[in-house]
């Protein structure tokens, strides 16, 4: 899985500290989360029965609806993943990814890591712009 990082080194003369406007950062993380969620849902939206090594196909839409994002309380992190719902019974996104001999299911491609990789450049640019807009220099 790719691990995108963004390093920022900023120095401003005549200011003792720099704060962030957390609301702007939180809003930007929400934009990134929605973007990766849409991409993940797009990858599994094909209405077909999937085979081994393909993205999961959409038969009932349960997995498609289970892909959600959540911004952390601090606002500096966003998590996008398929959550277990009451419709599932068991956590079958994990079974689809790893496969199951018991259920005779072969492993499928990991659509969430591919969604993040596909939207990586957009996420970086949004994050860069949000961080620049949210800086609040203080004396």
C-alpha atoms as a PDB file:
ATOM      1  CA  UNK A   1       0.000   0.000   0.000  1.00  0.00           C
ATOM      2  CA  UNK A   2       1.301   3.417  -0.873  1.00  0.00           C
ATOM      3  CA  UNK A   3       1.952   5.756   2.050  1.00  0.00           C
ATOM      4  CA  UNK A   4       1.587   9.362   0.873  1.00  0.00           C
ATOM      5  CA  UNK A   5       3.395  11.917   3.015  1.00  0.00           C
ATOM      6  CA  UNK A   6       3.616  15.659   2.849  1.00  0.00           C
ATOM      7  CA  UNK A   7       6.375  17.545   4.630  1.00  0.00           C
ATOM      8  CA  UNK A   8       6.130  21.264   5.333  1.00  0.00           C
ATOM      9  CA  UNK A   9       8.910  23.464   6.678  1.00  0.00           C
ATOM     10  CA  UNK A  10       7.843  27.078   7.101  1.00  0.00           C
ATOM     11  CA  UNK A  11       9.573  29.904   8.929  1.00  0.00           C
ATOM     12  CA  UNK A  12       8.059  33.371   9.309  1.00  0.00           C
ATOM     13  CA  UNK A  13      10.040  36.248  10.751  1.00  0.00           C
ATOM     14  CA  UNK A  14       8.606  38.269  13.653  1.00  0.00           C
ATOM     15  CA  UNK A  15       6.068  35.600  14.654  1.00  0.00           C
ATOM     16  CA  UNK A  16       6.432  33.450  17.743  1.00  0.00           C
ATOM     17  CA  UNK A  17       4.068  30.662  16.753  1.00  0.00           C
ATOM     18  CA  UNK A  18       1.844  29.503  13.926  1.00  0.00           C
ATOM     19  CA  UNK A  19      -1.617  28.039  14.486  1.00  0.00           C
ATOM     20  CA  UNK A  20      -3.992  26.259  12.140  1.00  0.00           C
ATOM     21  CA  UNK A  21      -7.612  27.093  11.575  1.00  0.00           C
ATOM     22  CA  UNK A  22      -8.853  23.582  12.351  1.00  0.00           C
ATOM     23  CA  UNK A  23     -12.199  24.165  10.667  1.00  0.00           C
ATOM     24  CA  UNK A  24     -10.493  24.699   7.308  1.00  0.00           C
ATOM     25  CA  UNK A  25      -8.261  21.668   7.778  1.00  0.00           C
ATOM     26  CA  UNK A  26     -11.250  19.535   8.808  1.00  0.00           C
ATOM     27  CA  UNK A  27     -13.207  20.727   5.765  1.00  0.00           C
ATOM     28  CA  UNK A  28     -10.276  19.876   3.487  1.00  0.00           C
ATOM     29  CA  UNK A  29      -9.973  16.396   5.001  1.00  0.00           C
ATOM     30  CA  UNK A  30     -13.678  15.921   4.324  1.00  0.00           C
ATOM     31  CA  UNK A  31     -13.120  16.860   0.671  1.00  0.00           C
ATOM     32  CA  UNK A  32     -10.305  14.313   0.403  1.00  0.00           C
ATOM     33  CA  UNK A  33     -12.421  11.645   2.114  1.00  0.00           C
ATOM     34  CA  UNK A  34     -15.382  12.196  -0.212  1.00  0.00           C
ATOM     35  CA  UNK A  35     -13.096  12.099  -3.248  1.00  0.00           C
ATOM     36  CA  UNK A  36     -11.486   8.771  -2.264  1.00  0.00           C
ATOM     37  CA  UNK A  37     -14.921   7.391  -1.298  1.00  0.00           C
ATOM     38  CA  UNK A  38     -16.292   8.222  -4.759  1.00  0.00           C
ATOM     39  CA  UNK A  39     -13.289   6.608  -6.432  1.00  0.00           C
ATOM     40  CA  UNK A  40     -13.609   3.461  -4.311  1.00  0.00           C
ATOM     41  CA  UNK A  41     -17.299   3.213  -5.086  1.00  0.00           C
ATOM     42  CA  UNK A  42     -16.596   3.777  -8.782  1.00  0.00           C
ATOM     43  CA  UNK A  43     -14.174   0.846  -8.823  1.00  0.00           C
ATOM     44  CA  UNK A  44     -16.812  -1.561  -7.442  1.00  0.00           C
ATOM     45  CA  UNK A  45     -19.846  -0.120  -9.278  1.00  0.00           C
ATOM     46  CA  UNK A  46     -19.694  -2.568 -12.189  1.00  0.00           C
ATOM     47  CA  UNK A  47     -22.821  -4.747 -12.111  1.00  0.00           C
ATOM     48  CA  UNK A  48     -21.332  -8.171 -12.683  1.00  0.00           C
ATOM     49  CA  UNK A  49     -20.095 -11.243 -10.881  1.00  0.00           C
ATOM     50  CA  UNK A  50     -16.398 -10.718 -10.259  1.00  0.00           C
ATOM     51  CA  UNK A  51     -13.682 -13.297 -10.625  1.00  0.00           C
ATOM     52  CA  UNK A  52     -10.408 -13.841  -8.830  1.00  0.00           C
ATOM     53  CA  UNK A  53      -8.042 -10.879  -9.107  1.00  0.00           C
ATOM     54  CA  UNK A  54     -10.769  -8.438 -10.233  1.00  0.00           C
ATOM     55  CA  UNK A  55     -12.498  -5.696  -8.305  1.00  0.00           C
ATOM     56  CA  UNK A  56     -15.609  -6.931  -6.470  1.00  0.00           C
ATOM     57  CA  UNK A  57     -18.726  -6.693  -8.615  1.00  0.00           C
ATOM     58  CA  UNK A  58     -21.913  -4.997  -7.493  1.00  0.00           C
ATOM     59  CA  UNK A  59     -24.806  -7.397  -7.072  1.00  0.00           C
ATOM     60  CA  UNK A  60     -26.861  -6.034  -4.168  1.00  0.00           C
ATOM     61  CA  UNK A  61     -25.061  -2.740  -3.513  1.00  0.00           C
ATOM     62  CA  UNK A  62     -24.341  -3.589   0.131  1.00  0.00           C
ATOM     63  CA  UNK A  63     -20.568  -3.229  -0.242  1.00  0.00           C
ATOM     64  CA  UNK A  64     -20.994  -0.073  -2.337  1.00  0.00           C
ATOM     65  CA  UNK A  65     -23.111   1.557   0.417  1.00  0.00           C
ATOM     66  CA  UNK A  66     -20.713   0.372   3.131  1.00  0.00           C
ATOM     67  CA  UNK A  67     -17.792   2.467   1.782  1.00  0.00           C
ATOM     68  CA  UNK A  68     -17.769   5.554   3.995  1.00  0.00           C
ATOM     69  CA  UNK A  69     -15.332   8.171   5.214  1.00  0.00           C
ATOM     70  CA  UNK A  70     -14.890   9.718   8.642  1.00  0.00           C
ATOM     71  CA  UNK A  71     -12.828  12.731   9.658  1.00  0.00           C
ATOM     72  CA  UNK A  72     -11.093  12.376  13.019  1.00  0.00           C
ATOM     73  CA  UNK A  73     -12.130  14.493  15.975  1.00  0.00           C
ATOM     74  CA  UNK A  74      -8.972  16.590  15.708  1.00  0.00           C
ATOM     75  CA  UNK A  75      -9.576  17.088  11.986  1.00  0.00           C
ATOM     76  CA  UNK A  76      -6.069  16.095  10.913  1.00  0.00           C
ATOM     77  CA  UNK A  77      -6.932  12.587   9.677  1.00  0.00           C
ATOM     78  CA  UNK A  78      -9.554  10.989   7.476  1.00  0.00           C
ATOM     79  CA  UNK A  79     -10.368   7.276   7.246  1.00  0.00           C
ATOM     80  CA  UNK A  80     -12.073   5.804   4.181  1.00  0.00           C
ATOM     81  CA  UNK A  81     -13.097   2.155   4.434  1.00  0.00           C
ATOM     82  CA  UNK A  82     -15.953  -0.283   3.992  1.00  0.00           C
ATOM     83  CA  UNK A  83     -17.746  -0.629   7.323  1.00  0.00           C
ATOM     84  CA  UNK A  84     -19.667  -3.698   8.460  1.00  0.00           C
ATOM     85  CA  UNK A  85     -23.379  -3.100   8.204  1.00  0.00           C
ATOM     86  CA  UNK A  86     -26.378  -5.017   9.529  1.00  0.00           C
ATOM     87  CA  UNK A  87     -27.112  -6.249   5.994  1.00  0.00           C
ATOM     88  CA  UNK A  88     -23.797  -8.101   5.761  1.00  0.00           C
ATOM     89  CA  UNK A  89     -24.050 -10.607   8.595  1.00  0.00           C
ATOM     90  CA  UNK A  90     -20.266 -11.014   8.543  1.00  0.00           C
ATOM     91  CA  UNK A  91     -17.522  -8.656   7.360  1.00  0.00           C
ATOM     92  CA  UNK A  92     -17.355  -9.797   3.754  1.00  0.00           C
ATOM     93  CA  UNK A  93     -15.104  -7.003   2.412  1.00  0.00           C
ATOM     94  CA  UNK A  94     -12.317  -8.837   4.259  1.00  0.00           C
ATOM     95  CA  UNK A  95     -13.429 -12.179   2.827  1.00  0.00           C
ATOM     96  CA  UNK A  96     -13.485 -10.705  -0.671  1.00  0.00           C
ATOM     97  CA  UNK A  97      -9.994  -9.262  -0.275  1.00  0.00           C
ATOM     98  CA  UNK A  98      -8.305 -12.314   1.260  1.00  0.00           C
ATOM     99  CA  UNK A  99     -10.521 -15.060  -0.131  1.00  0.00           C
ATOM    100  CA  UNK A 100     -12.038 -17.951   1.771  1.00  0.00           C
ATOM    101  CA  UNK A 101     -11.591 -21.675   1.236  1.00  0.00           C
ATOM    102  CA  UNK A 102     -14.608 -22.345   3.462  1.00  0.00           C
ATOM    103  CA  UNK A 103     -16.912 -20.248   1.257  1.00  0.00           C
ATOM    104  CA  UNK A 104     -15.050 -21.107  -1.976  1.00  0.00           C
ATOM    105  CA  UNK A 105     -14.232 -17.449  -2.713  1.00  0.00           C
ATOM    106  CA  UNK A 106     -11.002 -16.463  -4.453  1.00  0.00           C
ATOM    107  CA  UNK A 107      -9.188 -13.252  -3.437  1.00  0.00           C
ATOM    108  CA  UNK A 108     -10.234 -10.018  -5.181  1.00  0.00           C
ATOM    109  CA  UNK A 109      -8.225  -6.859  -5.850  1.00  0.00           C
ATOM    110  CA  UNK A 110      -8.004  -4.279  -3.058  1.00  0.00           C
ATOM    111  CA  UNK A 111     -10.174  -1.488  -4.405  1.00  0.00           C
ATOM    112  CA  UNK A 112      -9.542   0.877  -1.470  1.00  0.00           C
ATOM    113  CA  UNK A 113      -5.746   1.072  -1.904  1.00  0.00           C
ATOM    114  CA  UNK A 114      -6.219   1.513  -5.650  1.00  0.00           C
ATOM    115  CA  UNK A 115      -8.752   4.294  -5.014  1.00  0.00           C
ATOM    116  CA  UNK A 116      -6.228   6.085  -2.798  1.00  0.00           C
ATOM    117  CA  UNK A 117      -3.471   5.614  -5.376  1.00  0.00           C
ATOM    118  CA  UNK A 118      -5.746   6.949  -8.144  1.00  0.00           C
ATOM    119  CA  UNK A 119      -6.663  10.072  -6.149  1.00  0.00           C
ATOM    120  CA  UNK A 120      -3.235  10.619  -4.541  1.00  0.00           C
ATOM    121  CA  UNK A 121      -2.256  13.708  -6.561  1.00  0.00           C
ATOM    122  CA  UNK A 122      -5.615  15.372  -5.997  1.00  0.00           C
ATOM    123  CA  UNK A 123      -5.437  14.657  -2.256  1.00  0.00           C
ATOM    124  CA  UNK A 124      -1.958  16.177  -2.062  1.00  0.00           C
ATOM    125  CA  UNK A 125      -2.991  19.333  -3.888  1.00  0.00           C
ATOM    126  CA  UNK A 126      -6.115  19.786  -1.742  1.00  0.00           C
ATOM    127  CA  UNK A 127      -4.087  19.227   1.420  1.00  0.00           C
ATOM    128  CA  UNK A 128      -1.377  21.660   0.291  1.00  0.00           C
ATOM    129  CA  UNK A 129      -3.959  24.371  -0.473  1.00  0.00           C
ATOM    130  CA  UNK A 130      -5.886  23.806   2.756  1.00  0.00           C
ATOM    131  CA  UNK A 131      -2.749  23.972   4.892  1.00  0.00           C
ATOM    132  CA  UNK A 132      -1.643  27.185   3.200  1.00  0.00           C
ATOM    133  CA  UNK A 133      -5.074  28.772   3.703  1.00  0.00           C
ATOM    134  CA  UNK A 134      -5.372  27.672   7.321  1.00  0.00           C
ATOM    135  CA  UNK A 135      -2.082  29.097   8.655  1.00  0.00           C
ATOM    136  CA  UNK A 136      -2.631  31.783  11.315  1.00  0.00           C
ATOM    137  CA  UNK A 137       0.594  33.569  12.366  1.00  0.00           C
ATOM    138  CA  UNK A 138       0.547  34.906  15.956  1.00  0.00           C
ATOM    139  CA  UNK A 139       2.856  37.181  17.884  1.00  0.00           C
END
